[in-house]
Amino acid sequence: MSKLLSILVAALFATVSAASFAADAPKKEEKKAEKVEKKVEKKEEKKAEKAEKVEKKDEKKAEKKDAKK
């Protein structure tokens, strides 16, 4: 009888442990998705800033050429 009781307790423990891990998985994936999204946004912002800098440099070069003429 005690063996049966210990088996039932072990099965209950395993079930609760598995359920807790399964409940954590979606939360972790949400966090990962948010991190990836933030990284993508930062990269896009950096690209936009670089493009603006390039445009400003091109405008300055064009102004210098016009001033020489």
C-alpha atoms as a PDB file:
ATOM      1  CA  MET A   1       0.000   0.000   0.000  1.00  0.00           C
ATOM      2  CA  SER A   2       2.803   2.429   0.821  1.00  0.00           C
ATOM      3  CA  LYS A   3       4.402   1.701  -2.563  1.00  0.00           C
ATOM      4  CA  LEU A   4       1.151   2.603  -4.294  1.00  0.00           C
ATOM      5  CA  LEU A   5       0.906   5.805  -2.280  1.00  0.00           C
ATOM      6  CA  SER A   6       4.502   6.770  -3.117  1.00  0.00           C
ATOM      7  CA  ILE A   7       3.857   6.108  -6.816  1.00  0.00           C
ATOM      8  CA  LEU A   8       0.756   8.309  -6.719  1.00  0.00           C
ATOM      9  CA  VAL A   9       2.655  11.111  -4.957  1.00  0.00           C
ATOM     10  CA  ALA A  10       5.470  10.873  -7.516  1.00  0.00           C
ATOM     11  CA  ALA A  11       2.982  10.968 -10.389  1.00  0.00           C
ATOM     12  CA  LEU A  12       1.257  13.981  -8.890  1.00  0.00           C
ATOM     13  CA  PHE A  13       4.586  15.760  -8.467  1.00  0.00           C
ATOM     14  CA  ALA A  14       5.562  15.004 -12.070  1.00  0.00           C
ATOM     15  CA  THR A  15       2.215  16.253 -13.364  1.00  0.00           C
ATOM     16  CA  VAL A  16       2.408  19.520 -11.429  1.00  0.00           C
ATOM     17  CA  SER A  17       6.010  20.075 -12.501  1.00  0.00           C
ATOM     18  CA  ALA A  18       5.197  19.476 -16.168  1.00  0.00           C
ATOM     19  CA  ALA A  19       2.198  21.802 -15.985  1.00  0.00           C
ATOM     20  CA  SER A  20       4.277  24.586 -14.461  1.00  0.00           C
ATOM     21  CA  PHE A  21       6.908  24.282 -17.186  1.00  0.00           C
ATOM     22  CA  ALA A  22       4.221  24.289 -19.841  1.00  0.00           C
ATOM     23  CA  ALA A  23       2.687  27.433 -18.353  1.00  0.00           C
ATOM     24  CA  ASP A  24       6.042  29.257 -18.431  1.00  0.00           C
ATOM     25  CA  ALA A  25       6.792  28.487 -22.078  1.00  0.00           C
ATOM     26  CA  PRO A  26       4.343  30.970 -23.687  1.00  0.00           C
ATOM     27  CA  LYS A  27       5.504  33.752 -21.384  1.00  0.00           C
ATOM     28  CA  LYS A  28       9.112  33.188 -22.354  1.00  0.00           C
ATOM     29  CA  GLU A  29       8.250  33.204 -26.034  1.00  0.00           C
ATOM     30  CA  GLU A  30       6.344  36.471 -25.624  1.00  0.00           C
ATOM     31  CA  LYS A  31       9.354  38.063 -23.991  1.00  0.00           C
ATOM     32  CA  LYS A  32      11.634  36.805 -26.746  1.00  0.00           C
ATOM     33  CA  ALA A  33       9.295  38.175 -29.395  1.00  0.00           C
ATOM     34  CA  GLU A  34       9.234  41.565 -27.671  1.00  0.00           C
ATOM     35  CA  LYS A  35      13.027  41.656 -27.492  1.00  0.00           C
ATOM     36  CA  VAL A  36      13.340  40.797 -31.172  1.00  0.00           C
ATOM     37  CA  GLU A  37      10.788  43.461 -32.044  1.00  0.00           C
ATOM     38  CA  LYS A  38      12.697  46.080 -30.048  1.00  0.00           C
ATOM     39  CA  LYS A  39      15.949  45.127 -31.768  1.00  0.00           C
ATOM     40  CA  VAL A  40      14.332  45.463 -35.176  1.00  0.00           C
ATOM     41  CA  GLU A  41      12.959  48.892 -34.252  1.00  0.00           C
ATOM     42  CA  LYS A  42      16.380  50.048 -33.050  1.00  0.00           C
ATOM     43  CA  LYS A  43      18.002  48.866 -36.265  1.00  0.00           C
ATOM     44  CA  GLU A  44      15.408  50.707 -38.338  1.00  0.00           C
ATOM     45  CA  GLU A  45      15.981  53.881 -36.323  1.00  0.00           C
ATOM     46  CA  LYS A  46      19.740  53.621 -36.824  1.00  0.00           C
ATOM     47  CA  LYS A  47      19.277  53.112 -40.551  1.00  0.00           C
ATOM     48  CA  ALA A  48      17.018  56.166 -40.725  1.00  0.00           C
ATOM     49  CA  GLU A  49      19.562  58.250 -38.804  1.00  0.00           C
ATOM     50  CA  LYS A  50      22.363  57.127 -41.120  1.00  0.00           C
ATOM     51  CA  ALA A  51      20.251  57.983 -44.152  1.00  0.00           C
ATOM     52  CA  GLU A  52      19.609  61.455 -42.748  1.00  0.00           C
ATOM     53  CA  LYS A  53      23.330  61.983 -42.160  1.00  0.00           C
ATOM     54  CA  VAL A  54      24.122  60.909 -45.700  1.00  0.00           C
ATOM     55  CA  GLU A  55      21.485  63.289 -47.069  1.00  0.00           C
ATOM     56  CA  LYS A  56      22.914  66.165 -45.051  1.00  0.00           C
ATOM     57  CA  LYS A  57      26.422  65.417 -46.300  1.00  0.00           C
ATOM     58  CA  ASP A  58      25.179  65.294 -49.881  1.00  0.00           C
ATOM     59  CA  GLU A  59      23.407  68.637 -49.421  1.00  0.00           C
ATOM     60  CA  LYS A  60      26.566  70.214 -48.017  1.00  0.00           C
ATOM     61  CA  LYS A  61      28.606  68.877 -50.932  1.00  0.00           C
ATOM     62  CA  ALA A  62      26.056  70.237 -53.371  1.00  0.00           C
ATOM     63  CA  GLU A  63      26.133  73.635 -51.632  1.00  0.00           C
ATOM     64  CA  LYS A  64      29.939  73.724 -51.817  1.00  0.00           C
ATOM     65  CA  LYS A  65      29.820  72.899 -55.533  1.00  0.00           C
ATOM     66  CA  ASP A  66      27.251  75.618 -56.121  1.00  0.00           C
ATOM     67  CA  ALA A  67      29.330  78.120 -54.151  1.00  0.00           C
ATOM     68  CA  LYS A  68      32.392  77.341 -56.301  1.00  0.00           C
ATOM     69  CA  LYS A  69      30.480  78.041 -59.507  1.00  0.00           C
END
